[in-house]
């Protein structure tokens, strides 16, 4: 009995070690996609990029990851968790390092496409890891922790990238980010997955009859909501650092803190958006999730005012409020997916939603590149402001997203 207790305790510690590593790997994937936005002012000067050039690079990444998402879940199921995650992590780390050797726009585009293809593995791999390592009663908590990784990455990456750039230059910075991914890969392959894997447990409703995904109004409602809202997230992720640099004449040494502050607010929005519907429902509020999403759609509206503000920290506050609103809205979109679909279908629906979200991002990034060349990003901020209200209306027209 004592031996069984010690074994269970060791297995529990190992599960959490795996979760910490998955959390770190997810942060690495977001750092690898974000560094180009942070280094854009430097690379603009070195390579003479236009707004259209940068737009092509970011759009290529979005299209690559969107298309790859359609097959990433299938790839993980066929290859298995250990080697599927390893291939993705190794591939995107190598693609990140390849940026350091690029000197032409097409070479940067090729590196971004490779990064997008391999990073598509990250989302299904993370969900598969939580399912493999944790019993059903612990999975929700584990997923909640994992969902904080992108926000934390968006806070830490500006500080790390700008600090490394000042110390060692942009190429060594990129090489170090990619190399850290290979360190994580070695740790991943060294941990004994077989000692913590859980037996699959059927979820209630797994056998329930449901229409195919492509004819299910709920799946289309969620996908369209992602299309309308993720365009704002990706636009601001890739263009806000450059916007702040140009508007307030910030150099790399002073850009990290404002960008990190924006994503601290975004992380708070994710936590609040996840907790508030349940708190309101416990107090007898009807349609709590719908109300929270409506509130997020309202609080994102001031984003267009960022073009009128002449204070750096005033702009940071407006951008941070918008991204906090996005995270609150997005958390509840995924909450709807988890509530509407049985466990056997959530992965496929999530990939379907993510595909549309990344397509929305690709369209937005391409448009931003063209508009920035013509000297204005006003239509992009206006689209960001309107997208959430349109998504809320779309959900209510197709289905009722009640709590």
Protein backbone atom coordinates (compact mmCIF):
# COMPACT_ATOMS: atom_id res chain seq x y z
CA UNK A 1 0.00 0.00 0.00
CA UNK A 2 2.79 2.41 0.89
CA UNK A 3 4.52 1.58 -2.37
CA UNK A 4 1.30 2.28 -4.32
CA UNK A 5 0.92 5.64 -2.54
CA UNK A 6 4.50 6.60 -3.36
CA UNK A 7 3.99 5.51 -6.97
CA UNK A 8 0.80 7.58 -7.29
CA UNK A 9 2.53 10.59 -5.78
CA UNK A 10 5.47 10.26 -8.15
CA UNK A 11 3.09 9.91 -11.10
CA UNK A 12 1.24 13.04 -10.03
CA UNK A 13 4.48 15.02 -9.82
CA UNK A 14 5.51 13.74 -13.23
CA UNK A 15 2.15 14.80 -14.72
CA UNK A 16 2.67 18.33 -13.49
CA UNK A 17 6.22 18.31 -14.79
CA UNK A 18 4.83 17.45 -18.21
CA UNK A 19 2.25 20.24 -17.93
CA UNK A 20 4.94 22.77 -17.01
CA UNK A 21 6.97 21.68 -20.04
CA UNK A 22 3.92 21.90 -22.35
CA UNK A 23 3.25 25.37 -20.89
CA UNK A 24 6.82 26.47 -21.62
CA UNK A 25 6.74 24.97 -25.12
CA UNK A 26 3.51 26.86 -25.87
CA UNK A 27 5.19 30.06 -24.72
CA UNK A 28 8.14 29.29 -27.02
CA UNK A 29 5.79 28.89 -29.98
CA UNK A 30 4.25 32.31 -29.32
CA UNK A 31 7.67 33.91 -28.82
CA UNK A 32 8.81 32.50 -32.16
CA UNK A 33 5.84 34.01 -33.95
CA UNK A 34 6.01 37.35 -32.10
CA UNK A 35 9.68 38.26 -32.47
CA UNK A 36 9.25 39.49 -36.05
CA UNK A 37 6.74 42.12 -34.91
CA UNK A 38 9.11 43.32 -32.19
CA UNK A 39 12.13 43.46 -34.49
CA UNK A 40 10.27 45.07 -37.40
CA UNK A 41 11.65 48.62 -36.82
CA UNK A 42 15.21 47.24 -36.92
CA UNK A 43 14.61 45.03 -39.95
CA UNK A 44 12.80 47.84 -41.78
CA UNK A 45 15.95 49.93 -41.58
CA UNK A 46 18.31 47.09 -42.48
CA UNK A 47 16.36 45.62 -45.40
CA UNK A 48 14.23 48.58 -46.51
CA UNK A 49 10.93 46.77 -46.11
CA UNK A 50 7.68 48.44 -47.10
CA UNK A 51 4.42 47.92 -45.27
CA UNK A 52 3.37 45.60 -48.10
CA UNK A 53 6.53 43.48 -47.63
CA UNK A 54 5.84 43.02 -43.94
CA UNK A 55 2.17 42.37 -44.68
CA UNK A 56 3.19 39.59 -47.10
CA UNK A 57 5.35 37.92 -44.44
CA UNK A 58 2.70 37.99 -41.75
CA UNK A 59 -0.07 36.95 -44.14
CA UNK A 60 2.00 34.02 -45.40
CA UNK A 61 2.43 32.80 -41.82
CA UNK A 62 -1.30 33.06 -41.11
CA UNK A 63 -2.31 31.20 -44.26
CA UNK A 64 0.29 28.49 -43.62
CA UNK A 65 -0.83 27.85 -40.05
CA UNK A 66 -4.52 28.02 -41.03
CA UNK A 67 -4.16 25.37 -43.74
CA UNK A 68 -1.89 23.21 -41.59
CA UNK A 69 -4.45 23.27 -38.75
CA UNK A 70 -6.85 21.31 -40.94
CA UNK A 71 -4.49 18.33 -40.82
CA UNK A 72 -2.63 18.89 -37.56
CA UNK A 73 -5.10 16.95 -35.40
CA UNK A 74 -5.04 14.01 -37.81
CA UNK A 75 -1.22 14.12 -37.81
CA UNK A 76 -1.11 13.97 -34.01
CA UNK A 77 -3.50 11.01 -33.95
CA UNK A 78 -1.44 9.07 -36.51
CA UNK A 79 2.08 9.85 -35.24
CA UNK A 80 1.24 9.87 -31.54
CA UNK A 81 1.85 12.43 -28.82
CA UNK A 82 5.56 11.88 -28.15
CA UNK A 83 6.82 12.05 -31.73
CA UNK A 84 4.08 14.31 -33.12
CA UNK A 85 4.86 17.03 -30.59
CA UNK A 86 8.61 16.44 -31.11
CA UNK A 87 8.34 16.91 -34.88
CA UNK A 88 6.34 20.11 -34.45
CA UNK A 89 8.65 21.57 -31.79
CA UNK A 90 11.83 20.70 -33.66
CA UNK A 91 10.43 21.97 -36.94
CA UNK A 92 9.29 25.34 -35.68
CA UNK A 93 12.49 25.87 -33.68
CA UNK A 94 14.56 25.25 -36.83
CA UNK A 95 12.26 27.56 -38.83
CA UNK A 96 12.69 30.28 -36.20
CA UNK A 97 16.48 29.99 -36.43
CA UNK A 98 16.30 30.12 -40.24
CA UNK A 99 15.14 33.75 -40.01
CA UNK A 100 18.69 34.69 -38.97
CA UNK A 101 20.01 33.61 -42.39
CA UNK A 102 17.30 35.38 -44.42
CA UNK A 103 18.25 38.50 -46.38
CA UNK A 104 15.42 38.86 -48.92
CA UNK A 105 11.67 39.23 -48.51
CA UNK A 106 11.08 35.84 -50.16
CA UNK A 107 13.51 34.17 -47.76
CA UNK A 108 11.71 35.67 -44.78
CA UNK A 109 8.39 34.54 -46.29
CA UNK A 110 9.74 30.97 -46.65
CA UNK A 111 10.87 30.97 -43.02
CA UNK A 112 7.46 32.26 -41.87
CA UNK A 113 5.61 29.63 -43.91
CA UNK A 114 7.72 26.85 -42.39
CA UNK A 115 7.14 28.31 -38.93
CA UNK A 116 3.38 28.36 -39.49
CA UNK A 117 3.21 24.78 -40.78
CA UNK A 118 5.07 23.31 -37.81
CA UNK A 119 3.42 25.55 -35.20
CA UNK A 120 0.00 24.25 -36.24
CA UNK A 121 0.88 21.13 -34.26
CA UNK A 122 1.02 23.09 -30.98
CA UNK A 123 -2.74 23.45 -30.36
CA UNK A 124 -3.86 19.81 -30.89
CA UNK A 125 -0.67 18.57 -29.21
CA UNK A 126 -1.33 20.63 -26.08
CA UNK A 127 -4.91 19.41 -25.82
CA UNK A 128 -3.82 15.83 -26.48
CA UNK A 129 -1.14 16.15 -23.78
CA UNK A 130 -3.64 17.29 -21.15
CA UNK A 131 -5.96 14.41 -22.07
CA UNK A 132 -3.08 11.93 -21.95
CA UNK A 133 -1.56 13.08 -18.66
CA UNK A 134 -4.53 14.02 -16.47
CA UNK A 135 -7.59 12.14 -15.25
CA UNK A 136 -10.94 13.69 -16.23
CA UNK A 137 -11.48 15.43 -12.88
CA UNK A 138 -8.20 17.38 -13.23
CA UNK A 139 -8.33 18.28 -16.92
CA UNK A 140 -10.33 21.50 -16.69
CA UNK A 141 -7.87 22.98 -14.22
CA UNK A 142 -4.92 21.83 -16.34
CA UNK A 143 -6.43 23.34 -19.50
CA UNK A 144 -7.05 26.61 -17.64
CA UNK A 145 -3.38 26.79 -16.70
CA UNK A 146 -2.33 25.97 -20.24
CA UNK A 147 -4.51 28.72 -21.70
CA UNK A 148 -2.50 31.31 -19.78
CA UNK A 149 0.67 30.46 -21.73
CA UNK A 150 0.00 32.68 -24.78
CA UNK A 151 -0.75 35.68 -22.56
CA UNK A 152 2.34 35.16 -20.44
CA UNK A 153 4.41 34.70 -23.59
CA UNK A 154 3.09 37.99 -24.95
CA UNK A 155 4.20 39.69 -21.72
CA UNK A 156 7.65 38.12 -21.45
CA UNK A 157 8.64 38.04 -25.13
CA UNK A 158 8.83 41.85 -25.62
CA UNK A 159 11.08 42.14 -22.57
CA UNK A 160 13.32 39.23 -23.59
CA UNK A 161 13.57 40.09 -27.29
CA UNK A 162 14.25 43.78 -26.79
CA UNK A 163 16.78 43.02 -24.04
CA UNK A 164 18.61 40.42 -26.14
CA UNK A 165 18.59 42.70 -29.18
CA UNK A 166 20.30 45.49 -27.27
CA UNK A 167 22.89 43.00 -25.94
CA UNK A 168 23.66 40.79 -28.95
CA UNK A 169 21.79 42.05 -32.05
CA UNK A 170 18.78 40.65 -33.87
CA UNK A 171 20.34 37.60 -35.53
CA UNK A 172 21.80 36.14 -32.33
CA UNK A 173 18.48 36.92 -30.61
CA UNK A 174 16.61 34.83 -33.18
CA UNK A 175 19.14 32.01 -32.95
CA UNK A 176 18.86 31.92 -29.15
CA UNK A 177 15.05 31.75 -29.29
CA UNK A 178 15.20 28.82 -31.71
CA UNK A 179 17.91 27.09 -29.69
CA UNK A 180 15.76 27.26 -26.57
CA UNK A 181 13.13 25.31 -28.47
CA UNK A 182 15.65 22.51 -29.02
CA UNK A 183 16.43 22.50 -25.29
CA UNK A 184 12.70 21.96 -24.67
CA UNK A 185 12.71 19.21 -27.31
CA UNK A 186 15.48 17.34 -25.47
CA UNK A 187 13.54 17.62 -22.20
CA UNK A 188 10.35 16.42 -23.90
CA UNK A 189 12.00 13.33 -25.35
CA UNK A 190 13.69 12.58 -22.04
CA UNK A 191 10.50 12.42 -19.94
CA UNK A 192 8.78 9.01 -19.64
CA UNK A 193 5.34 9.63 -21.16
CA UNK A 194 4.26 6.01 -20.68
CA UNK A 195 4.40 6.41 -16.88
CA UNK A 196 1.69 9.07 -16.76
CA UNK A 197 -0.57 8.35 -19.74
CA UNK A 198 -4.21 7.94 -18.79
CA UNK A 199 -6.62 5.41 -20.23
CA UNK A 200 -9.24 7.13 -22.40
CA UNK A 201 -12.51 7.67 -20.58
CA UNK A 202 -15.71 8.14 -22.63
CA UNK A 203 -17.37 11.47 -21.93
CA UNK A 204 -21.14 11.85 -21.51
CA UNK A 205 -22.64 12.56 -24.89
CA UNK A 206 -19.80 11.01 -26.90
CA UNK A 207 -22.27 8.68 -28.49
CA UNK A 208 -25.02 11.25 -28.93
CA UNK A 209 -26.28 11.78 -32.43
CA UNK A 210 -25.27 15.12 -33.91
CA UNK A 211 -25.19 16.54 -37.42
CA UNK A 212 -21.88 16.44 -39.33
CA UNK A 213 -19.72 19.42 -38.51
CA UNK A 214 -20.09 21.10 -41.89
CA UNK A 215 -23.89 21.09 -41.55
CA UNK A 216 -23.95 21.99 -37.84
CA UNK A 217 -25.09 25.59 -37.32
CA UNK A 218 -23.32 25.73 -33.97
CA UNK A 219 -19.94 24.93 -35.54
CA UNK A 220 -20.46 27.56 -38.23
CA UNK A 221 -21.56 30.14 -35.66
CA UNK A 222 -18.37 29.60 -33.66
CA UNK A 223 -16.19 29.59 -36.77
CA UNK A 224 -17.68 32.86 -38.04
CA UNK A 225 -17.27 34.42 -34.60
CA UNK A 226 -13.57 33.49 -34.70
CA UNK A 227 -13.25 34.89 -38.22
CA UNK A 228 -14.70 38.24 -37.13
CA UNK A 229 -12.71 38.58 -33.90
CA UNK A 230 -9.35 36.92 -34.45
CA UNK A 231 -8.62 39.40 -37.23
CA UNK A 232 -8.34 42.04 -34.51
CA UNK A 233 -6.05 39.90 -32.31
CA UNK A 234 -3.61 39.06 -35.10
CA UNK A 235 -3.58 42.61 -36.44
CA UNK A 236 -2.71 44.03 -33.04
CA UNK A 237 -0.22 41.25 -32.22
CA UNK A 238 1.83 41.98 -35.35
CA UNK A 239 1.26 45.72 -35.81
CA UNK A 240 0.97 47.30 -32.33
CA UNK A 241 4.73 47.29 -31.61
CA UNK A 242 5.46 49.08 -34.88
CA UNK A 243 2.55 51.47 -34.34
CA UNK A 244 3.90 52.47 -30.91
CA UNK A 245 7.44 52.74 -32.32
CA UNK A 246 6.40 55.11 -35.10
CA UNK A 247 3.88 57.17 -33.14
CA UNK A 248 6.02 57.75 -30.05
CA UNK A 249 9.51 57.35 -31.54
CA UNK A 250 10.38 54.44 -29.25
CA UNK A 251 13.65 52.61 -29.72
CA UNK A 252 14.04 48.90 -29.01
CA UNK A 253 15.25 49.54 -25.47
CA UNK A 254 11.99 51.36 -24.58
CA UNK A 255 9.47 49.31 -26.58
CA UNK A 256 9.36 46.17 -24.42
CA UNK A 257 7.66 47.54 -21.31
CA UNK A 258 4.67 49.20 -23.08
CA UNK A 259 4.01 46.07 -25.18
CA UNK A 260 4.36 43.80 -22.14
CA UNK A 261 1.93 46.01 -20.20
CA UNK A 262 -0.67 45.64 -22.94
CA UNK A 263 -0.50 41.84 -22.70
CA UNK A 264 -0.64 41.86 -18.91
CA UNK A 265 -4.05 43.49 -19.35
CA UNK A 266 -4.91 40.88 -22.00
CA UNK A 267 -4.11 38.09 -19.54
CA UNK A 268 -6.34 39.70 -16.94
CA UNK A 269 -9.14 39.79 -19.51
CA UNK A 270 -8.74 36.06 -20.10
CA UNK A 271 -9.09 35.29 -16.38
CA UNK A 272 -12.01 37.65 -15.87
CA UNK A 273 -13.79 36.42 -19.01
CA UNK A 274 -13.44 32.84 -17.84
CA UNK A 275 -14.60 33.41 -14.26
CA UNK A 276 -17.36 35.98 -14.67
CA UNK A 277 -20.06 33.88 -16.41
CA UNK A 278 -19.99 31.28 -13.63
CA UNK A 279 -20.03 33.94 -10.92
CA UNK A 280 -23.02 35.67 -12.52
CA UNK A 281 -24.87 32.38 -13.05
CA UNK A 282 -24.42 31.47 -9.38
CA UNK A 283 -26.16 34.74 -8.51
CA UNK A 284 -29.13 33.86 -10.69
CA UNK A 285 -28.22 35.99 -13.72
CA UNK A 286 -29.74 34.50 -16.87
CA UNK A 287 -27.76 34.28 -20.12
CA UNK A 288 -24.60 35.09 -18.16
CA UNK A 289 -22.14 34.05 -20.89
CA UNK A 290 -23.99 36.06 -23.51
CA UNK A 291 -23.92 39.13 -21.24
CA UNK A 292 -20.18 38.81 -20.65
CA UNK A 293 -19.56 38.55 -24.39
CA UNK A 294 -21.76 41.58 -25.01
CA UNK A 295 -19.79 43.52 -22.40
CA UNK A 296 -16.52 42.57 -24.08
CA UNK A 297 -17.91 43.69 -27.45
CA UNK A 298 -18.70 47.11 -25.93
CA UNK A 299 -15.38 47.61 -24.12
CA UNK A 300 -13.35 46.96 -27.28
CA UNK A 301 -15.06 49.85 -29.12
CA UNK A 302 -12.63 52.62 -27.99
CA UNK A 303 -9.71 50.99 -29.87
CA UNK A 304 -10.12 53.42 -32.80
CA UNK A 305 -9.46 56.30 -30.40
CA UNK A 306 -5.85 55.15 -30.16
CA UNK A 307 -5.21 57.24 -33.28
CA UNK A 308 -6.30 60.40 -31.42
CA UNK A 309 -4.36 59.89 -28.19
CA UNK A 310 -1.01 61.67 -27.87
CA UNK A 311 0.11 59.93 -24.69
CA UNK A 312 2.09 56.67 -24.84
CA UNK A 313 0.49 55.23 -21.71
CA UNK A 314 -2.93 56.43 -22.80
CA UNK A 315 -2.44 54.40 -25.99
CA UNK A 316 -1.22 51.43 -23.94
CA UNK A 317 -4.37 51.61 -21.81
CA UNK A 318 -6.67 51.69 -24.85
CA UNK A 319 -4.83 48.82 -26.56
CA UNK A 320 -4.71 46.80 -23.35
CA UNK A 321 -8.45 47.24 -22.80
CA UNK A 322 -9.13 46.09 -26.35
CA UNK A 323 -7.00 42.97 -26.03
CA UNK A 324 -8.44 42.19 -22.59
CA UNK A 325 -11.87 42.40 -24.20
CA UNK A 326 -10.71 40.09 -26.98
CA UNK A 327 -9.47 37.50 -24.51
CA UNK A 328 -12.70 37.63 -22.50
CA UNK A 329 -14.72 37.16 -25.69
CA UNK A 330 -12.45 34.40 -27.03
CA UNK A 331 -12.46 32.48 -23.73
CA UNK A 332 -16.24 32.29 -23.92
CA UNK A 333 -16.23 31.20 -27.55
CA UNK A 334 -14.17 28.20 -26.51
CA UNK A 335 -16.43 27.76 -23.51
CA UNK A 336 -19.38 27.48 -25.88
CA UNK A 337 -17.55 24.84 -27.94
CA UNK A 338 -16.78 22.78 -24.83
CA UNK A 339 -20.41 23.02 -23.70
CA UNK A 340 -22.08 22.36 -27.04
CA UNK A 341 -20.02 19.40 -28.30
CA UNK A 342 -19.04 16.05 -26.76
CA UNK A 343 -15.38 15.35 -26.06
CA UNK A 344 -15.01 13.23 -29.20
CA UNK A 345 -15.87 16.22 -31.39
CA UNK A 346 -14.29 19.15 -29.53
CA UNK A 347 -10.88 18.68 -31.17
CA UNK A 348 -12.29 18.73 -34.70
CA UNK A 349 -14.52 21.71 -33.94
CA UNK A 350 -11.61 23.58 -32.33
CA UNK A 351 -9.48 23.01 -35.45
CA UNK A 352 -12.37 24.21 -37.63
CA UNK A 353 -12.72 27.36 -35.53
CA UNK A 354 -8.95 27.97 -35.48
CA UNK A 355 -8.80 27.65 -39.26
CA UNK A 356 -11.35 30.42 -39.71
CA UNK A 357 -9.68 32.53 -37.03
CA UNK A 358 -6.34 32.33 -38.80
CA UNK A 359 -7.91 33.07 -42.18
CA UNK A 360 -9.40 36.21 -40.61
CA UNK A 361 -5.93 37.06 -39.33
CA UNK A 362 -4.37 36.53 -42.76
CA UNK A 363 -6.90 38.87 -44.41
CA UNK A 364 -6.34 41.51 -41.72
CA UNK A 365 -2.54 41.34 -41.92
CA UNK A 366 -2.54 41.60 -45.71
CA UNK A 367 -4.89 44.59 -45.57
CA UNK A 368 -2.79 46.24 -42.85
CA UNK A 369 0.33 45.97 -45.00
CA UNK A 370 -1.41 47.70 -47.90
CA UNK A 371 -2.99 50.39 -45.72
CA UNK A 372 0.24 51.14 -43.85
CA UNK A 373 1.95 51.74 -47.19
CA UNK A 374 -0.73 54.38 -47.86
CA UNK A 375 -0.18 55.96 -44.44
CA UNK A 376 -3.24 54.93 -42.43
CA UNK A 377 -4.35 52.03 -40.25
CA UNK A 378 -7.71 53.59 -39.37
CA UNK A 379 -9.78 50.97 -41.27
CA UNK A 380 -8.00 48.20 -39.35
CA UNK A 381 -8.73 49.71 -35.96
CA UNK A 382 -12.33 50.34 -37.06
CA UNK A 383 -12.68 46.69 -38.14
CA UNK A 384 -11.27 45.59 -34.79
CA UNK A 385 -13.81 47.75 -32.98
CA UNK A 386 -16.77 46.41 -34.98
CA UNK A 387 -15.79 42.74 -35.19
CA UNK A 388 -16.94 41.69 -31.73
CA UNK A 389 -20.40 43.20 -32.01
CA UNK A 390 -20.83 41.50 -35.38
CA UNK A 391 -19.65 38.21 -33.90
CA UNK A 392 -22.10 38.53 -30.99
CA UNK A 393 -24.95 39.19 -33.44
CA UNK A 394 -23.87 36.26 -35.62
CA UNK A 395 -23.98 33.88 -32.65
CA UNK A 396 -27.47 35.08 -31.73
CA UNK A 397 -28.75 34.82 -35.28
CA UNK A 398 -27.53 31.25 -35.76
CA UNK A 399 -27.85 29.91 -32.20
CA UNK A 400 -28.47 31.22 -28.69
CA UNK A 401 -25.16 31.27 -26.77
CA UNK A 402 -26.82 31.14 -23.36
CA UNK A 403 -24.77 30.09 -20.35
